[in-house]
Amino acid sequence: MFKKIHHVGLITDDMERTVKLFTEKLGCEPNRVQVADTGWAHATFLRMGDVEIEIMQPYDPNNHYTKMLQRNGGPCLSHIALSVPDTGAAGKHFADKGVKFLDGFGPGTYTPRGYEIIFLDPSETEGIVIQAASDVPAKDMGY
């Protein structure tokens, strides 16, 4: 079902410092930076080889990523996104297996860049936040 790693999501309390780490020390090219606002966090997207790195700095005090930063400090891993060719079929597969979705992130959820996503409930995945993401954007969101 999963084809490859779609992206790795990180959360930080200092976007500039974390982006500098990945661009200046780890080799991501700054001209590949893409910035988006999710409605609860600012996100910067970098590419390293075939894998995209999503760095988010939450600003909504009630968001689960803000609470994760408060618990773990930052930056820290927020999720691993795995690529699927058909998000609807993946959602059905997980539902048929009894796997729950993270509240508000079941089938039919889209990112600001137009990818359809599903977050599996970490209580079902050994505490690891796993996202199933469409291979290509399903909607043109203007990014």
Protein backbone atom coordinates (compact mmCIF):
# COMPACT_ATOMS: atom_id res chain seq x y z
CA MET A 1 0.00 0.00 0.00
CA PHE A 2 2.65 2.56 0.99
CA LYS A 3 5.03 3.42 -1.84
CA LYS A 4 7.72 5.53 -0.19
CA ILE A 5 8.35 8.17 2.45
CA HIS A 6 6.38 11.22 1.32
CA HIS A 7 7.88 13.58 3.91
CA VAL A 8 9.08 13.84 7.48
CA GLY A 9 7.38 16.42 9.69
CA LEU A 10 9.21 18.29 12.43
CA ILE A 11 7.93 20.87 14.88
CA THR A 12 10.00 23.68 16.33
CA ASP A 13 9.68 26.73 18.51
CA ASP A 14 12.23 28.59 16.35
CA MET A 15 11.64 28.27 12.60
CA GLU A 16 14.65 30.35 11.58
CA ARG A 17 17.09 28.32 13.69
CA THR A 18 15.71 24.97 12.48
CA VAL A 19 15.66 25.99 8.81
CA LYS A 20 19.27 27.19 9.15
CA LEU A 21 20.21 23.79 10.58
CA PHE A 22 18.79 22.00 7.54
CA THR A 23 20.00 24.48 4.91
CA GLU A 24 23.40 25.56 6.22
CA LYS A 25 24.57 22.44 8.07
CA LEU A 26 22.68 19.53 6.51
CA GLY A 27 22.67 20.56 2.85
CA CYS A 28 19.08 21.37 1.91
CA GLU A 29 19.16 24.09 -0.71
CA PRO A 30 17.57 27.36 0.40
CA ASN A 31 16.10 28.00 -3.06
CA ARG A 32 13.82 25.02 -2.47
CA VAL A 33 12.14 26.54 0.57
CA GLN A 34 8.36 26.73 0.26
CA VAL A 35 6.38 28.45 3.03
CA ALA A 36 2.71 27.86 3.89
CA ASP A 37 0.30 28.76 6.69
CA THR A 38 -1.78 25.79 7.86
CA GLY A 39 -4.20 27.84 9.94
CA TRP A 40 -2.50 26.74 13.17
CA ALA A 41 1.21 26.77 12.25
CA HIS A 42 3.69 28.28 9.84
CA ALA A 43 5.32 25.58 7.74
CA THR A 44 8.50 25.56 5.67
CA PHE A 45 9.14 22.75 3.21
CA LEU A 46 12.67 21.72 2.24
CA ARG A 47 13.83 18.90 0.00
CA MET A 48 16.73 16.59 0.72
CA GLY A 49 17.14 14.11 -2.12
CA ASP A 50 13.81 12.38 -2.70
CA VAL A 51 12.40 13.22 0.73
CA GLU A 52 10.65 16.43 1.70
CA ILE A 53 11.13 17.85 5.19
CA GLU A 54 8.22 19.81 6.64
CA ILE A 55 9.19 22.12 9.50
CA MET A 56 6.27 23.58 11.43
CA GLN A 57 6.18 26.27 14.08
CA PRO A 58 2.74 26.15 15.73
CA TYR A 59 1.10 29.37 16.87
CA ASP A 60 -2.29 28.03 18.02
CA PRO A 61 -1.97 27.39 21.78
CA ASN A 62 -4.65 24.67 21.63
CA ASN A 63 -3.13 22.67 18.77
CA HIS A 64 -1.76 19.19 19.51
CA TYR A 65 1.63 20.19 18.03
CA THR A 66 1.92 23.09 20.49
CA LYS A 67 1.25 20.64 23.30
CA MET A 68 3.82 18.21 21.85
CA LEU A 69 6.44 20.99 21.86
CA GLN A 70 5.59 21.82 25.46
CA ARG A 71 6.01 18.14 26.43
CA ASN A 72 9.11 17.31 24.39
CA GLY A 73 10.85 20.60 23.75
CA GLY A 74 11.87 21.39 20.23
CA PRO A 75 12.62 20.72 17.58
CA CYS A 76 11.18 17.23 17.58
CA LEU A 77 9.65 14.72 15.19
CA SER A 78 5.95 15.32 14.64
CA HIS A 79 5.10 12.69 12.03
CA ILE A 80 6.25 10.45 9.21
CA ALA A 81 4.17 10.74 6.04
CA LEU A 82 3.99 7.73 3.75
CA SER A 83 2.91 8.06 0.14
CA VAL A 84 -0.22 6.26 -1.10
CA PRO A 85 -1.64 6.24 -4.63
CA ASP A 86 -5.28 6.33 -3.45
CA THR A 87 -6.03 8.01 -0.13
CA GLY A 88 -9.67 6.90 -0.20
CA ALA A 89 -8.68 3.25 -0.61
CA ALA A 90 -6.07 3.63 2.14
CA GLY A 91 -8.70 5.11 4.47
CA LYS A 92 -11.05 2.21 3.75
CA HIS A 93 -8.23 -0.28 4.32
CA PHE A 94 -7.43 1.21 7.74
CA ALA A 95 -11.10 1.47 8.73
CA ASP A 96 -11.66 -2.17 7.71
CA LYS A 97 -8.70 -3.15 9.92
CA GLY A 98 -10.19 -1.21 12.84
CA VAL A 99 -7.46 1.44 12.82
CA LYS A 100 -8.75 4.77 14.13
CA PHE A 101 -7.87 8.18 12.70
CA LEU A 102 -6.57 11.15 14.63
CA ASP A 103 -9.54 13.42 15.44
CA GLY A 104 -10.18 15.79 12.54
CA PHE A 105 -7.72 14.08 10.20
CA GLY A 106 -9.65 11.24 8.58
CA PRO A 107 -10.33 10.77 4.86
CA GLY A 108 -11.23 13.98 3.05
CA THR A 109 -8.67 16.15 4.87
CA TYR A 110 -6.43 18.33 2.67
CA THR A 111 -3.19 20.20 3.35
CA PRO A 112 -2.77 23.86 2.34
CA ARG A 113 -0.79 22.55 -0.66
CA GLY A 114 -3.65 20.30 -1.81
CA TYR A 115 -2.50 16.84 -0.73
CA GLU A 116 -5.20 14.60 0.69
CA ILE A 117 -4.02 13.22 4.02
CA ILE A 118 -5.05 10.81 6.75
CA PHE A 119 -3.44 10.75 10.19
CA LEU A 120 -3.56 7.42 11.98
CA ASP A 121 -4.29 7.66 15.69
CA PRO A 122 -0.93 7.21 17.47
CA SER A 123 -2.64 5.00 20.07
CA GLU A 124 -2.99 2.53 17.17
CA THR A 125 0.61 2.85 15.91
CA GLU A 126 2.84 2.40 18.98
CA GLY A 127 2.81 6.16 19.64
CA ILE A 128 4.25 7.06 16.23
CA VAL A 129 2.22 9.64 14.32
CA ILE A 130 1.85 8.25 10.80
CA GLN A 131 0.28 10.19 7.97
CA ALA A 132 -0.89 8.65 4.69
CA ALA A 133 -0.52 11.29 1.96
CA SER A 134 -1.62 11.31 -1.67
CA ASP A 135 1.22 10.92 -4.17
CA VAL A 136 0.30 14.17 -5.88
CA PRO A 137 -1.83 17.15 -4.85
CA ALA A 138 -5.50 16.31 -5.21
CA LYS A 139 -6.52 19.99 -5.27
CA ASP A 140 -4.84 23.15 -6.54
CA MET A 141 -4.54 25.33 -3.43
CA GLY A 142 -2.35 27.99 -5.05
CA TYR A 143 1.04 26.94 -3.62
